[in-house]
PDB file of N, CA and C in Angstrom:
ATOM      1  N   MET A   1       0.837  -1.188   0.000  1.00  0.00           N
ATOM      2  CA  MET A   1       0.000   0.000   0.000  1.00  0.00           C
ATOM      3  C   MET A   1       0.879   1.247   0.000  1.00  0.00           C
ATOM      4  N   GLY A   2       0.337   2.315  -0.515  1.00  0.00           N
ATOM      5  CA  GLY A   2       1.093   3.552  -0.602  1.00  0.00           C
ATOM      6  C   GLY A   2       0.773   4.515   0.525  1.00  0.00           C
ATOM      7  N   LEU A   3       1.424   5.647   0.453  1.00  0.00           N
ATOM      8  CA  LEU A   3       1.218   6.671   1.476  1.00  0.00           C
ATOM      9  C   LEU A   3      -0.208   7.192   1.481  1.00  0.00           C
ATOM     10  N   ALA A   4      -0.844   7.268   0.325  1.00  0.00           N
ATOM     11  CA  ALA A   4      -2.215   7.780   0.254  1.00  0.00           C
ATOM     12  C   ALA A   4      -3.162   6.937   1.109  1.00  0.00           C
ATOM     13  N   GLU A   5      -3.019   5.608   1.043  1.00  0.00           N
ATOM     14  CA  GLU A   5      -3.867   4.732   1.837  1.00  0.00           C
ATOM     15  C   GLU A   5      -3.582   4.904   3.331  1.00  0.00           C
ATOM     16  N   SER A   6      -2.327   5.128   3.665  1.00  0.00           N
ATOM     17  CA  SER A   6      -1.962   5.334   5.070  1.00  0.00           C
ATOM     18  C   SER A   6      -2.588   6.609   5.614  1.00  0.00           C
ATOM     19  N   PHE A   7      -2.487   7.687   4.849  1.00  0.00           N
ATOM     20  CA  PHE A   7      -3.071   8.946   5.308  1.00  0.00           C
ATOM     21  C   PHE A   7      -4.591   8.862   5.374  1.00  0.00           C
ATOM     22  N   LYS A   8      -5.183   8.158   4.436  1.00  0.00           N
ATOM     23  CA  LYS A   8      -6.639   7.980   4.464  1.00  0.00           C
ATOM     24  C   LYS A   8      -7.044   7.190   5.711  1.00  0.00           C
ATOM     25  N   ALA A   9      -6.295   6.156   6.047  1.00  0.00           N
ATOM     26  CA  ALA A   9      -6.593   5.360   7.241  1.00  0.00           C
ATOM     27  C   ALA A   9      -6.451   6.192   8.509  1.00  0.00           C
ATOM     28  N   MET A  10      -5.485   7.114   8.525  1.00  0.00           N
ATOM     29  CA  MET A  10      -5.271   7.947   9.715  1.00  0.00           C
ATOM     30  C   MET A  10      -6.242   9.116   9.806  1.00  0.00           C
ATOM     31  N   ALA A  11      -7.079   9.307   8.794  1.00  0.00           N
ATOM     32  CA  ALA A  11      -7.999  10.445   8.794  1.00  0.00           C
ATOM     33  C   ALA A  11      -9.082  10.314   9.857  1.00  0.00           C
ATOM     34  N   ASP A  12      -9.404   9.106  10.260  1.00  0.00           N
ATOM     35  CA  ASP A  12     -10.470   8.887  11.234  1.00  0.00           C
ATOM     36  C   ASP A  12      -9.925   9.008  12.663  1.00  0.00           C
ATOM     37  N   PRO A  13     -10.571   9.801  13.522  1.00  0.00           N
ATOM     38  CA  PRO A  13     -10.073   9.995  14.888  1.00  0.00           C
ATOM     39  C   PRO A  13     -10.032   8.706  15.716  1.00  0.00           C
ATOM     40  N   GLN A  14     -10.977   7.806  15.514  1.00  0.00           N
ATOM     41  CA  GLN A  14     -10.956   6.557  16.286  1.00  0.00           C
ATOM     42  C   GLN A  14      -9.791   5.677  15.857  1.00  0.00           C
ATOM     43  N   ARG A  15      -9.458   5.681  14.581  1.00  0.00           N
ATOM     44  CA  ARG A  15      -8.300   4.908  14.129  1.00  0.00           C
ATOM     45  C   ARG A  15      -7.004   5.520  14.647  1.00  0.00           C
ATOM     46  N   ARG A  16      -6.934   6.839  14.730  1.00  0.00           N
ATOM     47  CA  ARG A  16      -5.739   7.471  15.303  1.00  0.00           C
ATOM     48  C   ARG A  16      -5.597   7.088  16.768  1.00  0.00           C
ATOM     49  N   GLU A  17      -6.705   7.054  17.492  1.00  0.00           N
ATOM     50  CA  GLU A  17      -6.674   6.640  18.902  1.00  0.00           C
ATOM     51  C   GLU A  17      -6.247   5.180  19.020  1.00  0.00           C
ATOM     52  N   LEU A  18      -6.724   4.358  18.128  1.00  0.00           N
ATOM     53  CA  LEU A  18      -6.346   2.947  18.098  1.00  0.00           C
ATOM     54  C   LEU A  18      -4.844   2.799  17.864  1.00  0.00           C
ATOM     55  N   LEU A  19      -4.303   3.579  16.948  1.00  0.00           N
ATOM     56  CA  LEU A  19      -2.859   3.542  16.682  1.00  0.00           C
ATOM     57  C   LEU A  19      -2.065   3.980  17.911  1.00  0.00           C
ATOM     58  N   LEU A  20      -2.567   4.992  18.615  1.00  0.00           N
ATOM     59  CA  LEU A  20      -1.875   5.435  19.826  1.00  0.00           C
ATOM     60  C   LEU A  20      -1.886   4.355  20.903  1.00  0.00           C
ATOM     61  N   LEU A  21      -2.984   3.630  21.023  1.00  0.00           N
ATOM     62  CA  LEU A  21      -3.034   2.523  21.982  1.00  0.00           C
ATOM     63  C   LEU A  21      -2.039   1.432  21.604  1.00  0.00           C
ATOM     64  N   LEU A  22      -1.955   1.121  20.334  1.00  0.00           N
ATOM     65  CA  LEU A  22      -1.031   0.083  19.882  1.00  0.00           C
ATOM     66  C   LEU A  22       0.418   0.545  19.982  1.00  0.00           C
ATOM     67  N   ARG A  23       0.621   1.817  20.063  1.00  0.00           N
ATOM     68  CA  ARG A  23       1.985   2.343  20.250  1.00  0.00           C
ATOM     69  C   ARG A  23       2.572   1.845  21.570  1.00  0.00           C
ATOM     70  N   ARG A  24       1.698   1.603  22.533  1.00  0.00           N
ATOM     71  CA  ARG A  24       2.136   1.097  23.848  1.00  0.00           C
ATOM     72  C   ARG A  24       2.574  -0.358  23.785  1.00  0.00           C
ATOM     73  N   GLY A  25       2.120  -1.073  22.768  1.00  0.00           N
ATOM     74  CA  GLY A  25       2.477  -2.481  22.628  1.00  0.00           C
ATOM     75  C   GLY A  25       1.323  -3.287  22.068  1.00  0.00           C
ATOM     76  N   ARG A  26       1.590  -4.546  21.806  1.00  0.00           N
ATOM     77  CA  ARG A  26       0.570  -5.407  21.214  1.00  0.00           C
ATOM     78  C   ARG A  26      -0.611  -5.577  22.153  1.00  0.00           C
ATOM     79  N   CYS A  27      -1.762  -5.895  21.556  1.00  0.00           N
ATOM     80  CA  CYS A  27      -2.981  -6.020  22.342  1.00  0.00           C
ATOM     81  C   CYS A  27      -3.986  -6.889  21.583  1.00  0.00           C
ATOM     82  N   THR A  28      -4.872  -7.516  22.320  1.00  0.00           N
ATOM     83  CA  THR A  28      -5.939  -8.296  21.698  1.00  0.00           C
ATOM     84  C   THR A  28      -7.080  -7.365  21.299  1.00  0.00           C
ATOM     85  N   ALA A  29      -7.961  -7.862  20.444  1.00  0.00           N
ATOM     86  CA  ALA A  29      -9.119  -7.067  20.033  1.00  0.00           C
ATOM     87  C   ALA A  29     -10.001  -6.736  21.234  1.00  0.00           C
ATOM     88  N   GLY A  30     -10.180  -7.685  22.133  1.00  0.00           N
ATOM     89  CA  GLY A  30     -10.988  -7.430  23.328  1.00  0.00           C
ATOM     90  C   GLY A  30     -10.414  -6.320  24.182  1.00  0.00           C
ATOM     91  N   GLY A  31      -9.111  -6.334  24.356  1.00  0.00           N
ATOM     92  CA  GLY A  31      -8.451  -5.282  25.129  1.00  0.00           C
ATOM     93  C   GLY A  31      -8.593  -3.919  24.472  1.00  0.00           C
ATOM     94  N   LEU A  32      -8.467  -3.892  23.169  1.00  0.00           N
ATOM     95  CA  LEU A  32      -8.612  -2.625  22.435  1.00  0.00           C
ATOM     96  C   LEU A  32     -10.050  -2.118  22.518  1.00  0.00           C
ATOM     97  N   ALA A  33     -11.021  -3.022  22.363  1.00  0.00           N
ATOM     98  CA  ALA A  33     -12.433  -2.627  22.417  1.00  0.00           C
ATOM     99  C   ALA A  33     -12.779  -2.043  23.774  1.00  0.00           C
ATOM    100  N   ARG A  34     -12.271  -2.658  24.842  1.00  0.00           N
ATOM    101  CA  ARG A  34     -12.548  -2.139  26.199  1.00  0.00           C
ATOM    102  C   ARG A  34     -11.949  -0.750  26.392  1.00  0.00           C
ATOM    103  N   GLN A  35     -10.707  -0.577  25.942  1.00  0.00           N
ATOM    104  CA  GLN A  35     -10.033   0.709  26.148  1.00  0.00           C
ATOM    105  C   GLN A  35     -10.663   1.826  25.331  1.00  0.00           C
ATOM    106  N   LEU A  36     -11.191   1.496  24.164  1.00  0.00           N
ATOM    107  CA  LEU A  36     -11.783   2.507  23.295  1.00  0.00           C
ATOM    108  C   LEU A  36     -13.298   2.602  23.435  1.00  0.00           C
ATOM    109  N   ASP A  37     -13.881   1.689  24.193  1.00  0.00           N
ATOM    110  CA  ASP A  37     -15.333   1.626  24.363  1.00  0.00           C
ATOM    111  C   ASP A  37     -16.030   1.530  23.002  1.00  0.00           C
ATOM    112  N   LEU A  38     -15.546   0.599  22.184  1.00  0.00           N
ATOM    113  CA  LEU A  38     -16.105   0.360  20.854  1.00  0.00           C
ATOM    114  C   LEU A  38     -16.800  -0.992  20.823  1.00  0.00           C
ATOM    115  N   SER A  39     -17.810  -1.106  19.988  1.00  0.00           N
ATOM    116  CA  SER A  39     -18.451  -2.399  19.782  1.00  0.00           C
ATOM    117  C   SER A  39     -17.486  -3.292  19.000  1.00  0.00           C
ATOM    118  N   PRO A  40     -17.635  -4.604  19.136  1.00  0.00           N
ATOM    119  CA  PRO A  40     -16.750  -5.500  18.373  1.00  0.00           C
ATOM    120  C   PRO A  40     -16.815  -5.266  16.862  1.00  0.00           C
ATOM    121  N   SER A  41     -17.998  -4.981  16.335  1.00  0.00           N
ATOM    122  CA  SER A  41     -18.101  -4.761  14.886  1.00  0.00           C
ATOM    123  C   SER A  41     -17.397  -3.469  14.464  1.00  0.00           C
ATOM    124  N   ALA A  42     -17.516  -2.412  15.262  1.00  0.00           N
ATOM    125  CA  ALA A  42     -16.836  -1.152  14.940  1.00  0.00           C
ATOM    126  C   ALA A  42     -15.319  -1.333  15.004  1.00  0.00           C
ATOM    127  N   LEU A  43     -14.855  -2.030  16.029  1.00  0.00           N
ATOM    128  CA  LEU A  43     -13.423  -2.270  16.160  1.00  0.00           C
ATOM    129  C   LEU A  43     -12.921  -3.113  14.994  1.00  0.00           C
ATOM    130  N   SER A  44     -13.670  -4.127  14.633  1.00  0.00           N
ATOM    131  CA  SER A  44     -13.293  -4.983  13.510  1.00  0.00           C
ATOM    132  C   SER A  44     -13.153  -4.170  12.225  1.00  0.00           C
ATOM    133  N   TYR A  45     -14.069  -3.254  12.002  1.00  0.00           N
ATOM    134  CA  TYR A  45     -14.007  -2.403  10.806  1.00  0.00           C
ATOM    135  C   TYR A  45     -12.734  -1.552  10.820  1.00  0.00           C
ATOM    136  N   HIS A  46     -12.458  -0.898  11.946  1.00  0.00           N
ATOM    137  CA  HIS A  46     -11.285  -0.025  12.022  1.00  0.00           C
ATOM    138  C   HIS A  46      -9.990  -0.824  11.882  1.00  0.00           C
ATOM    139  N   LEU A  47      -9.939  -1.997  12.503  1.00  0.00           N
ATOM    140  CA  LEU A  47      -8.747  -2.836  12.363  1.00  0.00           C
ATOM    141  C   LEU A  47      -8.558  -3.293  10.920  1.00  0.00           C
ATOM    142  N   LYS A  48      -9.650  -3.592  10.236  1.00  0.00           N
ATOM    143  CA  LYS A  48      -9.562  -4.007   8.835  1.00  0.00           C
ATOM    144  C   LYS A  48      -8.979  -2.887   7.975  1.00  0.00           C
ATOM    145  N   VAL A  49      -9.442  -1.658   8.194  1.00  0.00           N
ATOM    146  CA  VAL A  49      -8.920  -0.521   7.436  1.00  0.00           C
ATOM    147  C   VAL A  49      -7.426  -0.345   7.704  1.00  0.00           C
ATOM    148  N   LEU A  50      -7.028  -0.434   8.968  1.00  0.00           N
ATOM    149  CA  LEU A  50      -5.619  -0.263   9.323  1.00  0.00           C
ATOM    150  C   LEU A  50      -4.759  -1.409   8.797  1.00  0.00           C
ATOM    151  N   LYS A  51      -5.286  -2.616   8.813  1.00  0.00           N
ATOM    152  CA  LYS A  51      -4.539  -3.754   8.261  1.00  0.00           C
ATOM    153  C   LYS A  51      -4.392  -3.620   6.747  1.00  0.00           C
ATOM    154  N   ASN A  52      -5.448  -3.183   6.071  1.00  0.00           N
ATOM    155  CA  ASN A  52      -5.374  -2.997   4.619  1.00  0.00           C
ATOM    156  C   ASN A  52      -4.382  -1.913   4.233  1.00  0.00           C
ATOM    157  N   ALA A  53      -4.171  -0.951   5.109  1.00  0.00           N
ATOM    158  CA  ALA A  53      -3.191   0.113   4.871  1.00  0.00           C
ATOM    159  C   ALA A  53      -1.796  -0.291   5.372  1.00  0.00           C
ATOM    160  N   ASP A  54      -1.654  -1.539   5.803  1.00  0.00           N
ATOM    161  CA  ASP A  54      -0.381  -2.076   6.320  1.00  0.00           C
ATOM    162  C   ASP A  54       0.125  -1.341   7.556  1.00  0.00           C
ATOM    163  N   MET A  55      -0.771  -0.730   8.302  1.00  0.00           N
ATOM    164  CA  MET A  55      -0.366   0.005   9.499  1.00  0.00           C
ATOM    165  C   MET A  55      -0.392  -0.873  10.750  1.00  0.00           C
ATOM    166  N   VAL A  56      -1.155  -1.951  10.684  1.00  0.00           N
ATOM    167  CA  VAL A  56      -1.304  -2.854  11.814  1.00  0.00           C
ATOM    168  C   VAL A  56      -1.039  -4.272  11.333  1.00  0.00           C
ATOM    169  N   ILE A  57      -0.347  -5.021  12.168  1.00  0.00           N
ATOM    170  CA  ILE A  57      -0.051  -6.419  11.892  1.00  0.00           C
ATOM    171  C   ILE A  57      -0.881  -7.273  12.844  1.00  0.00           C
ATOM    172  N   GLU A  58      -1.442  -8.344  12.317  1.00  0.00           N
ATOM    173  CA  GLU A  58      -2.238  -9.283  13.107  1.00  0.00           C
ATOM    174  C   GLU A  58      -1.498 -10.603  13.157  1.00  0.00           C
ATOM    175  N   TYR A  59      -1.408 -11.190  14.354  1.00  0.00           N
ATOM    176  CA  TYR A  59      -0.814 -12.516  14.435  1.00  0.00           C
ATOM    177  C   TYR A  59      -1.462 -13.307  15.562  1.00  0.00           C
ATOM    178  N   LYS A  60      -1.427 -14.623  15.406  1.00  0.00           N
ATOM    179  CA  LYS A  60      -2.056 -15.518  16.377  1.00  0.00           C
ATOM    180  C   LYS A  60      -1.007 -16.104  17.297  1.00  0.00           C
ATOM    181  N   GLN A  61      -1.398 -16.207  18.561  1.00  0.00           N
ATOM    182  CA  GLN A  61      -0.547 -16.848  19.546  1.00  0.00           C
ATOM    183  C   GLN A  61      -1.460 -17.674  20.444  1.00  0.00           C
ATOM    184  N   LYS A  62      -1.350 -18.963  20.335  1.00  0.00           N
ATOM    185  CA  LYS A  62      -2.240 -19.902  21.009  1.00  0.00           C
ATOM    186  C   LYS A  62      -3.682 -19.606  20.617  1.00  0.00           C
ATOM    187  N   ASN A  63      -4.535 -19.269  21.583  1.00  0.00           N
ATOM    188  CA  ASN A  63      -5.958 -19.026  21.296  1.00  0.00           C
ATOM    189  C   ASN A  63      -6.290 -17.555  21.093  1.00  0.00           C
ATOM    190  N   TYR A  64      -5.301 -16.689  20.992  1.00  0.00           N
ATOM    191  CA  TYR A  64      -5.533 -15.260  20.911  1.00  0.00           C
ATOM    192  C   TYR A  64      -5.000 -14.681  19.608  1.00  0.00           C
ATOM    193  N   ILE A  65      -5.632 -13.616  19.176  1.00  0.00           N
ATOM    194  CA  ILE A  65      -5.141 -12.839  18.039  1.00  0.00           C
ATOM    195  C   ILE A  65      -4.661 -11.506  18.597  1.00  0.00           C
ATOM    196  N   TYR A  66      -3.430 -11.172  18.300  1.00  0.00           N
ATOM    197  CA  TYR A  66      -2.840  -9.925  18.771  1.00  0.00           C
ATOM    198  C   TYR A  66      -2.657  -8.967  17.600  1.00  0.00           C
ATOM    199  N   TYR A  67      -2.694  -7.694  17.931  1.00  0.00           N
ATOM    200  CA  TYR A  67      -2.489  -6.635  16.955  1.00  0.00           C
ATOM    201  C   TYR A  67      -1.345  -5.766  17.443  1.00  0.00           C
ATOM    202  N   GLU A  68      -0.523  -5.314  16.500  1.00  0.00           N
ATOM    203  CA  GLU A  68       0.563  -4.402  16.839  1.00  0.00           C
ATOM    204  C   GLU A  68       0.857  -3.506  15.646  1.00  0.00           C
ATOM    205  N   LEU A  69       1.546  -2.414  15.917  1.00  0.00           N
ATOM    206  CA  LEU A  69       1.899  -1.478  14.853  1.00  0.00           C
ATOM    207  C   LEU A  69       2.916  -2.086  13.912  1.00  0.00           C
ATOM    208  N   ASN A  70       2.791  -1.750  12.661  1.00  0.00           N
ATOM    209  CA  ASN A  70       3.804  -2.088  11.671  1.00  0.00           C
ATOM    210  C   ASN A  70       4.800  -0.933  11.679  1.00  0.00           C
ATOM    211  N   THR A  71       5.783  -1.020  12.528  1.00  0.00           N
ATOM    212  CA  THR A  71       6.698   0.103  12.728  1.00  0.00           C
ATOM    213  C   THR A  71       7.509   0.428  11.484  1.00  0.00           C
ATOM    214  N   SER A  72       7.753  -0.554  10.628  1.00  0.00           N
ATOM    215  CA  SER A  72       8.518  -0.257   9.410  1.00  0.00           C
ATOM    216  C   SER A  72       7.743   0.703   8.507  1.00  0.00           C
ATOM    217  N   LEU A  73       6.433   0.588   8.470  1.00  0.00           N
ATOM    218  CA  LEU A  73       5.638   1.525   7.673  1.00  0.00           C
ATOM    219  C   LEU A  73       5.711   2.932   8.269  1.00  0.00           C
ATOM    220  N   PHE A  74       5.652   3.029   9.594  1.00  0.00           N
ATOM    221  CA  PHE A  74       5.734   4.343  10.223  1.00  0.00           C
ATOM    222  C   PHE A  74       7.109   4.960  10.014  1.00  0.00           C
ATOM    223  N   ASP A  75       8.149   4.148   9.989  1.00  0.00           N
ATOM    224  CA  ASP A  75       9.488   4.659   9.668  1.00  0.00           C
ATOM    225  C   ASP A  75       9.504   5.244   8.264  1.00  0.00           C
ATOM    226  N   GLU A  76       8.867   4.556   7.332  1.00  0.00           N
ATOM    227  CA  GLU A  76       8.800   5.030   5.949  1.00  0.00           C
ATOM    228  C   GLU A  76       8.037   6.353   5.856  1.00  0.00           C
ATOM    229  N   ILE A  77       6.932   6.455   6.580  1.00  0.00           N
ATOM    230  CA  ILE A  77       6.146   7.695   6.584  1.00  0.00           C
ATOM    231  C   ILE A  77       6.967   8.838   7.170  1.00  0.00           C
ATOM    232  N   MET A  78       7.684   8.564   8.256  1.00  0.00           N
ATOM    233  CA  MET A  78       8.491   9.610   8.889  1.00  0.00           C
ATOM    234  C   MET A  78       9.613  10.077   7.957  1.00  0.00           C
ATOM    235  N   LEU A  79      10.226   9.153   7.255  1.00  0.00           N
ATOM    236  CA  LEU A  79      11.271   9.550   6.299  1.00  0.00           C
ATOM    237  C   LEU A  79      10.695  10.442   5.206  1.00  0.00           C
ATOM    238  N   TRP A  80       9.517  10.106   4.737  1.00  0.00           N
ATOM    239  CA  TRP A  80       8.883  10.914   3.695  1.00  0.00           C
ATOM    240  C   TRP A  80       8.544  12.303   4.232  1.00  0.00           C
ATOM    241  N   LEU A  81       8.035  12.382   5.455  1.00  0.00           N
ATOM    242  CA  LEU A  81       7.657  13.672   6.041  1.00  0.00           C
ATOM    243  C   LEU A  81       8.872  14.554   6.331  1.00  0.00           C
ATOM    244  N   GLN A  82      10.001  13.941   6.641  1.00  0.00           N
ATOM    245  CA  GLN A  82      11.195  14.723   6.981  1.00  0.00           C
ATOM    246  C   GLN A  82      11.686  15.596   5.841  1.00  0.00           C
ATOM    247  N   GLN A  83      11.338  15.261   4.632  1.00  0.00           N
ATOM    248  CA  GLN A  83      11.786  16.093   3.527  1.00  0.00           C
ATOM    249  C   GLN A  83      11.143  17.472   3.543  1.00  0.00           C
ATOM    250  N   PHE A  84      10.099  17.648   4.336  1.00  0.00           N
ATOM    251  CA  PHE A  84       9.436  18.947   4.447  1.00  0.00           C
ATOM    252  C   PHE A  84       9.997  19.773   5.596  1.00  0.00           C
ATOM    253  N   ARG A  85      10.951  19.255   6.328  1.00  0.00           N
ATOM    254  CA  ARG A  85      11.558  19.977   7.445  1.00  0.00           C
ATOM    255  C   ARG A  85      12.809  20.736   7.001  1.00  0.00           C
ATOM    256  N   GLY A  86      13.174  20.629   5.750  1.00  0.00           N
ATOM    257  CA  GLY A  86      14.406  21.261   5.250  1.00  0.00           C
ATOM    258  C   GLY A  86      14.353  22.771   5.371  1.00  0.00           C
ATOM    259  N   GLU A  87      15.530  23.371   5.225  1.00  0.00           N
ATOM    260  CA  GLU A  87      15.628  24.826   5.294  1.00  0.00           C
ATOM    261  C   GLU A  87      14.997  25.447   4.053  1.00  0.00           C
ATOM    262  N   LYS A  88      14.389  26.576   4.255  1.00  0.00           N
ATOM    263  CA  LYS A  88      13.787  27.295   3.135  1.00  0.00           C
ATOM    264  C   LYS A  88      14.874  27.991   2.336  1.00  0.00           C
ATOM    265  N   GLU A  89      14.680  27.963   1.027  1.00  0.00           N
ATOM    266  CA  GLU A  89      15.624  28.677   0.167  1.00  0.00           C
ATOM    267  C   GLU A  89      15.303  30.155   0.176  1.00  0.00           C
ATOM    268  N   LEU A  90      16.317  30.967   0.184  1.00  0.00           N
ATOM    269  CA  LEU A  90      16.116  32.413   0.174  1.00  0.00           C
ATOM    270  C   LEU A  90      16.209  32.961  -1.219  1.00  0.00           C
TER     271      LEU A  90
END
């Protein structure tokens, strides 16, 4: 996925909050739903959007599914954004 999909995924305030929660570390869907006070269907939708944008990784461990940030994608976004921090030409 490209940067456009990433920015589109981050446009929603609940998805941004979800990303901030995952910044603390991996978490199950149940844990995320409780912290965000979201219904399971709403959380599932937001996680699907973030997974499709490659911002969140899903993996299984025993009987649980965990979600965590795809930090390599965020590194790529930060590198792209840094080009706008350069000095202005006079």
